[in-house]
Amino acid sequence: MAMDDDNERETFESDPKVVRHSEDGSERTVTSKKSLRDQLQADMEAFLAKGGQVKEVEPHVTADPPKKPESNYGSRPI
């Protein structure tokens, strides 16, 4: 399932169900994690009920293409 990143961000930012946690993890509790897992499970079931498919990706596959090696040789001024 390919989504436009901007569209995905708008959906998440405007969705009141999305729970945002602080960076230090102080708002993460067992109860909040369970509710997130339950919500994820419900969302997955709804997605699959509408005919959606889940594809398993091999562990070594990444979305980032390989980067061209950079050389810093000779970059210092004399």
PDB file of N, CA and C in Angstrom:
ATOM      1  N   MET A   1       0.842  -1.167   0.000  1.00  0.00           N
ATOM      2  CA  MET A   1       0.000   0.000   0.000  1.00  0.00           C
ATOM      3  C   MET A   1       0.888   1.232   0.000  1.00  0.00           C
ATOM      4  N   ALA A   2       0.906   1.962  -1.068  1.00  0.00           N
ATOM      5  CA  ALA A   2       1.732   3.152  -1.161  1.00  0.00           C
ATOM      6  C   ALA A   2       0.875   4.376  -0.896  1.00  0.00           C
ATOM      7  N   MET A   3       1.351   5.221   0.001  1.00  0.00           N
ATOM      8  CA  MET A   3       0.628   6.450   0.322  1.00  0.00           C
ATOM      9  C   MET A   3       1.568   7.625   0.149  1.00  0.00           C
ATOM     10  N   ASP A   4       1.009   8.748  -0.222  1.00  0.00           N
ATOM     11  CA  ASP A   4       1.770   9.978  -0.298  1.00  0.00           C
ATOM     12  C   ASP A   4       2.111  10.412   1.118  1.00  0.00           C
ATOM     13  N   ASP A   5       3.372  10.732   1.383  1.00  0.00           N
ATOM     14  CA  ASP A   5       3.800  11.084   2.726  1.00  0.00           C
ATOM     15  C   ASP A   5       3.054  12.290   3.276  1.00  0.00           C
ATOM     16  N   ASP A   6       2.834  13.310   2.430  1.00  0.00           N
ATOM     17  CA  ASP A   6       2.125  14.496   2.896  1.00  0.00           C
ATOM     18  C   ASP A   6       0.694  14.148   3.283  1.00  0.00           C
ATOM     19  N   ASN A   7       0.034  13.325   2.467  1.00  0.00           N
ATOM     20  CA  ASN A   7      -1.327  12.909   2.753  1.00  0.00           C
ATOM     21  C   ASN A   7      -1.371  12.110   4.047  1.00  0.00           C
ATOM     22  N   GLU A   8      -0.390  11.248   4.258  1.00  0.00           N
ATOM     23  CA  GLU A   8      -0.341  10.423   5.455  1.00  0.00           C
ATOM     24  C   GLU A   8      -0.156  11.303   6.686  1.00  0.00           C
ATOM     25  N   ARG A   9       0.727  12.308   6.609  1.00  0.00           N
ATOM     26  CA  ARG A   9       0.947  13.197   7.743  1.00  0.00           C
ATOM     27  C   ARG A   9      -0.321  13.966   8.083  1.00  0.00           C
ATOM     28  N   GLU A  10      -1.023  14.464   7.051  1.00  0.00           N
ATOM     29  CA  GLU A  10      -2.263  15.197   7.296  1.00  0.00           C
ATOM     30  C   GLU A  10      -3.274  14.315   8.012  1.00  0.00           C
ATOM     31  N   THR A  11      -3.391  13.061   7.585  1.00  0.00           N
ATOM     32  CA  THR A  11      -4.338  12.141   8.197  1.00  0.00           C
ATOM     33  C   THR A  11      -4.004  11.940   9.663  1.00  0.00           C
ATOM     34  N   PHE A  12      -2.738  11.696   9.969  1.00  0.00           N
ATOM     35  CA  PHE A  12      -2.346  11.452  11.345  1.00  0.00           C
ATOM     36  C   PHE A  12      -2.490  12.705  12.203  1.00  0.00           C
ATOM     37  N   GLU A  13      -2.142  13.865  11.661  1.00  0.00           N
ATOM     38  CA  GLU A  13      -2.223  15.092  12.441  1.00  0.00           C
ATOM     39  C   GLU A  13      -3.661  15.475  12.736  1.00  0.00           C
ATOM     40  N   SER A  14      -4.570  15.169  11.829  1.00  0.00           N
ATOM     41  CA  SER A  14      -5.952  15.568  12.025  1.00  0.00           C
ATOM     42  C   SER A  14      -6.785  14.488  12.705  1.00  0.00           C
ATOM     43  N   ASP A  15      -6.243  13.290  12.880  1.00  0.00           N
ATOM     44  CA  ASP A  15      -6.981  12.184  13.466  1.00  0.00           C
ATOM     45  C   ASP A  15      -6.930  12.272  14.988  1.00  0.00           C
ATOM     46  N   PRO A  16      -8.079  12.471  15.651  1.00  0.00           N
ATOM     47  CA  PRO A  16      -8.077  12.597  17.108  1.00  0.00           C
ATOM     48  C   PRO A  16      -7.747  11.282  17.818  1.00  0.00           C
ATOM     49  N   LYS A  17      -7.809  10.144  17.110  1.00  0.00           N
ATOM     50  CA  LYS A  17      -7.516   8.854  17.740  1.00  0.00           C
ATOM     51  C   LYS A  17      -6.028   8.624  17.904  1.00  0.00           C
ATOM     52  N   VAL A  18      -5.214   9.389  17.166  1.00  0.00           N
ATOM     53  CA  VAL A  18      -3.779   9.185  17.220  1.00  0.00           C
ATOM     54  C   VAL A  18      -3.255   9.712  18.549  1.00  0.00           C
ATOM     55  N   VAL A  19      -2.546   8.853  19.277  1.00  0.00           N
ATOM     56  CA  VAL A  19      -1.991   9.238  20.566  1.00  0.00           C
ATOM     57  C   VAL A  19      -0.523   9.558  20.364  1.00  0.00           C
ATOM     58  N   ARG A  20      -0.142  10.747  20.759  1.00  0.00           N
ATOM     59  CA  ARG A  20       1.256  11.149  20.651  1.00  0.00           C
ATOM     60  C   ARG A  20       1.888  11.076  22.031  1.00  0.00           C
ATOM     61  N   HIS A  21       3.091  10.552  22.090  1.00  0.00           N
ATOM     62  CA  HIS A  21       3.800  10.414  23.353  1.00  0.00           C
ATOM     63  C   HIS A  21       4.968  11.385  23.384  1.00  0.00           C
ATOM     64  N   SER A  22       5.346  11.758  24.596  1.00  0.00           N
ATOM     65  CA  SER A  22       6.511  12.619  24.732  1.00  0.00           C
ATOM     66  C   SER A  22       7.762  11.832  24.377  1.00  0.00           C
ATOM     67  N   GLU A  23       8.789  12.523  23.993  1.00  0.00           N
ATOM     68  CA  GLU A  23      10.025  11.878  23.570  1.00  0.00           C
ATOM     69  C   GLU A  23      10.695  11.102  24.697  1.00  0.00           C
ATOM     70  N   ASP A  24      10.547  11.569  25.930  1.00  0.00           N
ATOM     71  CA  ASP A  24      11.232  10.893  27.029  1.00  0.00           C
ATOM     72  C   ASP A  24      10.488   9.658  27.522  1.00  0.00           C
ATOM     73  N   GLY A  25       9.296   9.403  27.003  1.00  0.00           N
ATOM     74  CA  GLY A  25       8.561   8.198  27.362  1.00  0.00           C
ATOM     75  C   GLY A  25       7.789   8.310  28.652  1.00  0.00           C
ATOM     76  N   SER A  26       7.693   9.504  29.226  1.00  0.00           N
ATOM     77  CA  SER A  26       7.030   9.652  30.518  1.00  0.00           C
ATOM     78  C   SER A  26       5.531   9.390  30.444  1.00  0.00           C
ATOM     79  N   GLU A  27       4.937   9.515  29.259  1.00  0.00           N
ATOM     80  CA  GLU A  27       3.501   9.298  29.123  1.00  0.00           C
ATOM     81  C   GLU A  27       3.157   7.870  28.725  1.00  0.00           C
ATOM     82  N   ARG A  28       4.130   7.012  28.570  1.00  0.00           N
ATOM     83  CA  ARG A  28       3.880   5.633  28.166  1.00  0.00           C
ATOM     84  C   ARG A  28       3.615   4.780  29.398  1.00  0.00           C
ATOM     85  N   THR A  29       2.467   4.143  29.385  1.00  0.00           N
ATOM     86  CA  THR A  29       2.116   3.245  30.476  1.00  0.00           C
ATOM     87  C   THR A  29       1.654   1.928  29.874  1.00  0.00           C
ATOM     88  N   VAL A  30       1.549   0.915  30.715  1.00  0.00           N
ATOM     89  CA  VAL A  30       1.069  -0.382  30.247  1.00  0.00           C
ATOM     90  C   VAL A  30      -0.338  -0.234  29.686  1.00  0.00           C
ATOM     91  N   THR A  31      -1.157   0.551  30.354  1.00  0.00           N
ATOM     92  CA  THR A  31      -2.539   0.747  29.914  1.00  0.00           C
ATOM     93  C   THR A  31      -2.590   1.470  28.567  1.00  0.00           C
ATOM     94  N   SER A  32      -1.765   2.510  28.401  1.00  0.00           N
ATOM     95  CA  SER A  32      -1.793   3.244  27.133  1.00  0.00           C
ATOM     96  C   SER A  32      -1.283   2.367  25.988  1.00  0.00           C
ATOM     97  N   LYS A  33      -0.259   1.550  26.262  1.00  0.00           N
ATOM     98  CA  LYS A  33       0.243   0.647  25.222  1.00  0.00           C
ATOM     99  C   LYS A  33      -0.803  -0.394  24.854  1.00  0.00           C
ATOM    100  N   LYS A  34      -1.531  -0.914  25.843  1.00  0.00           N
ATOM    101  CA  LYS A  34      -2.580  -1.904  25.568  1.00  0.00           C
ATOM    102  C   LYS A  34      -3.679  -1.279  24.725  1.00  0.00           C
ATOM    103  N   SER A  35      -4.067  -0.050  25.051  1.00  0.00           N
ATOM    104  CA  SER A  35      -5.120   0.597  24.268  1.00  0.00           C
ATOM    105  C   SER A  35      -4.655   0.837  22.838  1.00  0.00           C
ATOM    106  N   LEU A  36      -3.371   1.187  22.657  1.00  0.00           N
ATOM    107  CA  LEU A  36      -2.843   1.361  21.309  1.00  0.00           C
ATOM    108  C   LEU A  36      -2.836   0.040  20.543  1.00  0.00           C
ATOM    109  N   ARG A  37      -2.449  -1.047  21.218  1.00  0.00           N
ATOM    110  CA  ARG A  37      -2.460  -2.361  20.562  1.00  0.00           C
ATOM    111  C   ARG A  37      -3.878  -2.767  20.182  1.00  0.00           C
ATOM    112  N   ASP A  38      -4.831  -2.522  21.082  1.00  0.00           N
ATOM    113  CA  ASP A  38      -6.226  -2.848  20.796  1.00  0.00           C
ATOM    114  C   ASP A  38      -6.743  -2.044  19.605  1.00  0.00           C
ATOM    115  N   GLN A  39      -6.378  -0.750  19.551  1.00  0.00           N
ATOM    116  CA  GLN A  39      -6.809   0.096  18.443  1.00  0.00           C
ATOM    117  C   GLN A  39      -6.178  -0.371  17.142  1.00  0.00           C
ATOM    118  N   LEU A  40      -4.905  -0.748  17.186  1.00  0.00           N
ATOM    119  CA  LEU A  40      -4.224  -1.255  15.997  1.00  0.00           C
ATOM    120  C   LEU A  40      -4.890  -2.535  15.507  1.00  0.00           C
ATOM    121  N   GLN A  41      -5.227  -3.423  16.435  1.00  0.00           N
ATOM    122  CA  GLN A  41      -5.897  -4.675  16.075  1.00  0.00           C
ATOM    123  C   GLN A  41      -7.242  -4.398  15.406  1.00  0.00           C
ATOM    124  N   ALA A  42      -8.018  -3.470  15.970  1.00  0.00           N
ATOM    125  CA  ALA A  42      -9.321  -3.122  15.394  1.00  0.00           C
ATOM    126  C   ALA A  42      -9.158  -2.507  14.006  1.00  0.00           C
ATOM    127  N   ASP A  43      -8.160  -1.634  13.858  1.00  0.00           N
ATOM    128  CA  ASP A  43      -7.909  -1.013  12.553  1.00  0.00           C
ATOM    129  C   ASP A  43      -7.485  -2.051  11.516  1.00  0.00           C
ATOM    130  N   MET A  44      -6.642  -2.992  11.921  1.00  0.00           N
ATOM    131  CA  MET A  44      -6.212  -4.053  10.993  1.00  0.00           C
ATOM    132  C   MET A  44      -7.396  -4.921  10.574  1.00  0.00           C
ATOM    133  N   GLU A  45      -8.249  -5.278  11.525  1.00  0.00           N
ATOM    134  CA  GLU A  45      -9.420  -6.100  11.194  1.00  0.00           C
ATOM    135  C   GLU A  45     -10.341  -5.364  10.236  1.00  0.00           C
ATOM    136  N   ALA A  46     -10.539  -4.066  10.448  1.00  0.00           N
ATOM    137  CA  ALA A  46     -11.385  -3.272   9.554  1.00  0.00           C
ATOM    138  C   ALA A  46     -10.756  -3.191   8.164  1.00  0.00           C
ATOM    139  N   PHE A  47      -9.447  -3.005   8.104  1.00  0.00           N
ATOM    140  CA  PHE A  47      -8.724  -2.940   6.837  1.00  0.00           C
ATOM    141  C   PHE A  47      -8.872  -4.246   6.062  1.00  0.00           C
ATOM    142  N   LEU A  48      -8.671  -5.366   6.755  1.00  0.00           N
ATOM    143  CA  LEU A  48      -8.784  -6.666   6.099  1.00  0.00           C
ATOM    144  C   LEU A  48     -10.224  -6.968   5.693  1.00  0.00           C
ATOM    145  N   ALA A  49     -11.205  -6.528   6.488  1.00  0.00           N
ATOM    146  CA  ALA A  49     -12.616  -6.752   6.165  1.00  0.00           C
ATOM    147  C   ALA A  49     -13.014  -6.017   4.887  1.00  0.00           C
ATOM    148  N   LYS A  50     -12.352  -4.882   4.608  1.00  0.00           N
ATOM    149  CA  LYS A  50     -12.648  -4.118   3.388  1.00  0.00           C
ATOM    150  C   LYS A  50     -11.918  -4.686   2.179  1.00  0.00           C
ATOM    151  N   GLY A  51     -11.203  -5.784   2.358  1.00  0.00           N
ATOM    152  CA  GLY A  51     -10.498  -6.392   1.233  1.00  0.00           C
ATOM    153  C   GLY A  51      -9.029  -6.018   1.164  1.00  0.00           C
ATOM    154  N   GLY A  52      -8.536  -5.331   2.171  1.00  0.00           N
ATOM    155  CA  GLY A  52      -7.118  -4.961   2.190  1.00  0.00           C
ATOM    156  C   GLY A  52      -6.242  -6.190   2.339  1.00  0.00           C
ATOM    157  N   GLN A  53      -5.010  -6.067   1.920  1.00  0.00           N
ATOM    158  CA  GLN A  53      -4.064  -7.172   2.011  1.00  0.00           C
ATOM    159  C   GLN A  53      -2.822  -6.716   2.757  1.00  0.00           C
ATOM    160  N   VAL A  54      -2.231  -7.656   3.478  1.00  0.00           N
ATOM    161  CA  VAL A  54      -0.975  -7.396   4.175  1.00  0.00           C
ATOM    162  C   VAL A  54       0.095  -8.230   3.496  1.00  0.00           C
ATOM    163  N   LYS A  55       1.159  -7.576   3.066  1.00  0.00           N
ATOM    164  CA  LYS A  55       2.250  -8.274   2.399  1.00  0.00           C
ATOM    165  C   LYS A  55       3.446  -8.312   3.345  1.00  0.00           C
ATOM    166  N   GLU A  56       4.040  -9.482   3.464  1.00  0.00           N
ATOM    167  CA  GLU A  56       5.227  -9.616   4.306  1.00  0.00           C
ATOM    168  C   GLU A  56       6.447  -9.286   3.465  1.00  0.00           C
ATOM    169  N   VAL A  57       7.294  -8.442   4.004  1.00  0.00           N
ATOM    170  CA  VAL A  57       8.494  -8.001   3.310  1.00  0.00           C
ATOM    171  C   VAL A  57       9.690  -8.706   3.922  1.00  0.00           C
ATOM    172  N   GLU A  58      10.601  -9.136   3.060  1.00  0.00           N
ATOM    173  CA  GLU A  58      11.813  -9.798   3.532  1.00  0.00           C
ATOM    174  C   GLU A  58      12.582  -8.870   4.471  1.00  0.00           C
ATOM    175  N   PRO A  59      13.241  -9.414   5.485  1.00  0.00           N
ATOM    176  CA  PRO A  59      13.941  -8.579   6.465  1.00  0.00           C
ATOM    177  C   PRO A  59      15.049  -7.700   5.883  1.00  0.00           C
ATOM    178  N   HIS A  60      15.680  -8.132   4.795  1.00  0.00           N
ATOM    179  CA  HIS A  60      16.794  -7.365   4.243  1.00  0.00           C
ATOM    180  C   HIS A  60      16.365  -6.268   3.276  1.00  0.00           C
ATOM    181  N   VAL A  61      15.077  -6.159   2.960  1.00  0.00           N
ATOM    182  CA  VAL A  61      14.584  -5.178   2.002  1.00  0.00           C
ATOM    183  C   VAL A  61      14.380  -3.844   2.708  1.00  0.00           C
ATOM    184  N   THR A  62      14.890  -2.762   2.103  1.00  0.00           N
ATOM    185  CA  THR A  62      14.698  -1.426   2.656  1.00  0.00           C
ATOM    186  C   THR A  62      14.061  -0.532   1.605  1.00  0.00           C
ATOM    187  N   ALA A  63      13.436   0.534   2.056  1.00  0.00           N
ATOM    188  CA  ALA A  63      12.808   1.484   1.141  1.00  0.00           C
ATOM    189  C   ALA A  63      13.828   2.479   0.598  1.00  0.00           C
ATOM    190  N   ASP A  64      14.955   2.617   1.281  1.00  0.00           N
ATOM    191  CA  ASP A  64      15.969   3.570   0.850  1.00  0.00           C
ATOM    192  C   ASP A  64      16.881   2.933  -0.181  1.00  0.00           C
ATOM    193  N   PRO A  65      17.046   3.584  -1.328  1.00  0.00           N
ATOM    194  CA  PRO A  65      17.978   3.039  -2.314  1.00  0.00           C
ATOM    195  C   PRO A  65      19.408   3.205  -1.806  1.00  0.00           C
ATOM    196  N   PRO A  66      20.327   2.404  -2.299  1.00  0.00           N
ATOM    197  CA  PRO A  66      21.724   2.549  -1.868  1.00  0.00           C
ATOM    198  C   PRO A  66      22.249   3.937  -2.238  1.00  0.00           C
ATOM    199  N   LYS A  67      23.064   4.493  -1.360  1.00  0.00           N
ATOM    200  CA  LYS A  67      23.619   5.818  -1.613  1.00  0.00           C
ATOM    201  C   LYS A  67      24.981   5.698  -2.268  1.00  0.00           C
ATOM    202  N   LYS A  68      25.282   6.679  -3.111  1.00  0.00           N
ATOM    203  CA  LYS A  68      26.571   6.720  -3.766  1.00  0.00           C
ATOM    204  C   LYS A  68      27.636   7.015  -2.703  1.00  0.00           C
ATOM    205  N   PRO A  69      28.719   6.271  -2.684  1.00  0.00           N
ATOM    206  CA  PRO A  69      29.768   6.529  -1.691  1.00  0.00           C
ATOM    207  C   PRO A  69      30.335   7.936  -1.856  1.00  0.00           C
ATOM    208  N   GLU A  70      30.573   8.594  -0.732  1.00  0.00           N
ATOM    209  CA  GLU A  70      31.160   9.931  -0.773  1.00  0.00           C
ATOM    210  C   GLU A  70      32.639   9.834  -0.446  1.00  0.00           C
ATOM    211  N   SER A  71      33.421  10.603  -1.146  1.00  0.00           N
ATOM    212  CA  SER A  71      34.844  10.619  -0.892  1.00  0.00           C
ATOM    213  C   SER A  71      35.243  11.995  -0.382  1.00  0.00           C
ATOM    214  N   ASN A  72      35.918  12.025   0.739  1.00  0.00           N
ATOM    215  CA  ASN A  72      36.427  13.280   1.277  1.00  0.00           C
ATOM    216  C   ASN A  72      37.918  13.437   0.998  1.00  0.00           C
ATOM    217  N   TYR A  73      38.458  12.553   0.181  1.00  0.00           N
ATOM    218  CA  TYR A  73      39.878  12.590  -0.118  1.00  0.00           C
ATOM    219  C   TYR A  73      40.232  13.881  -0.848  1.00  0.00           C
ATOM    220  N   GLY A  74      41.190  14.607  -0.300  1.00  0.00           N
ATOM    221  CA  GLY A  74      41.640  15.842  -0.937  1.00  0.00           C
ATOM    222  C   GLY A  74      40.714  17.020  -0.717  1.00  0.00           C
ATOM    223  N   SER A  75      39.825  16.927   0.241  1.00  0.00           N
ATOM    224  CA  SER A  75      38.867  18.017   0.435  1.00  0.00           C
ATOM    225  C   SER A  75      39.414  19.130   1.326  1.00  0.00           C
ATOM    226  N   ARG A  76      40.510  18.831   2.077  1.00  0.00           N
ATOM    227  CA  ARG A  76      41.098  19.857   2.937  1.00  0.00           C
ATOM    228  C   ARG A  76      41.921  20.839   2.114  1.00  0.00           C
ATOM    229  N   PRO A  77      41.828  22.122   2.466  1.00  0.00           N
ATOM    230  CA  PRO A  77      42.676  23.093   1.747  1.00  0.00           C
ATOM    231  C   PRO A  77      44.133  22.924   2.159  1.00  0.00           C
ATOM    232  N   ILE A  78      45.035  23.338   1.281  1.00  0.00           N
ATOM    233  CA  ILE A  78      46.475  23.201   1.539  1.00  0.00           C
ATOM    234  C   ILE A  78      46.945  24.310   2.439  1.00  0.00           C
TER     235      ILE A  78
END
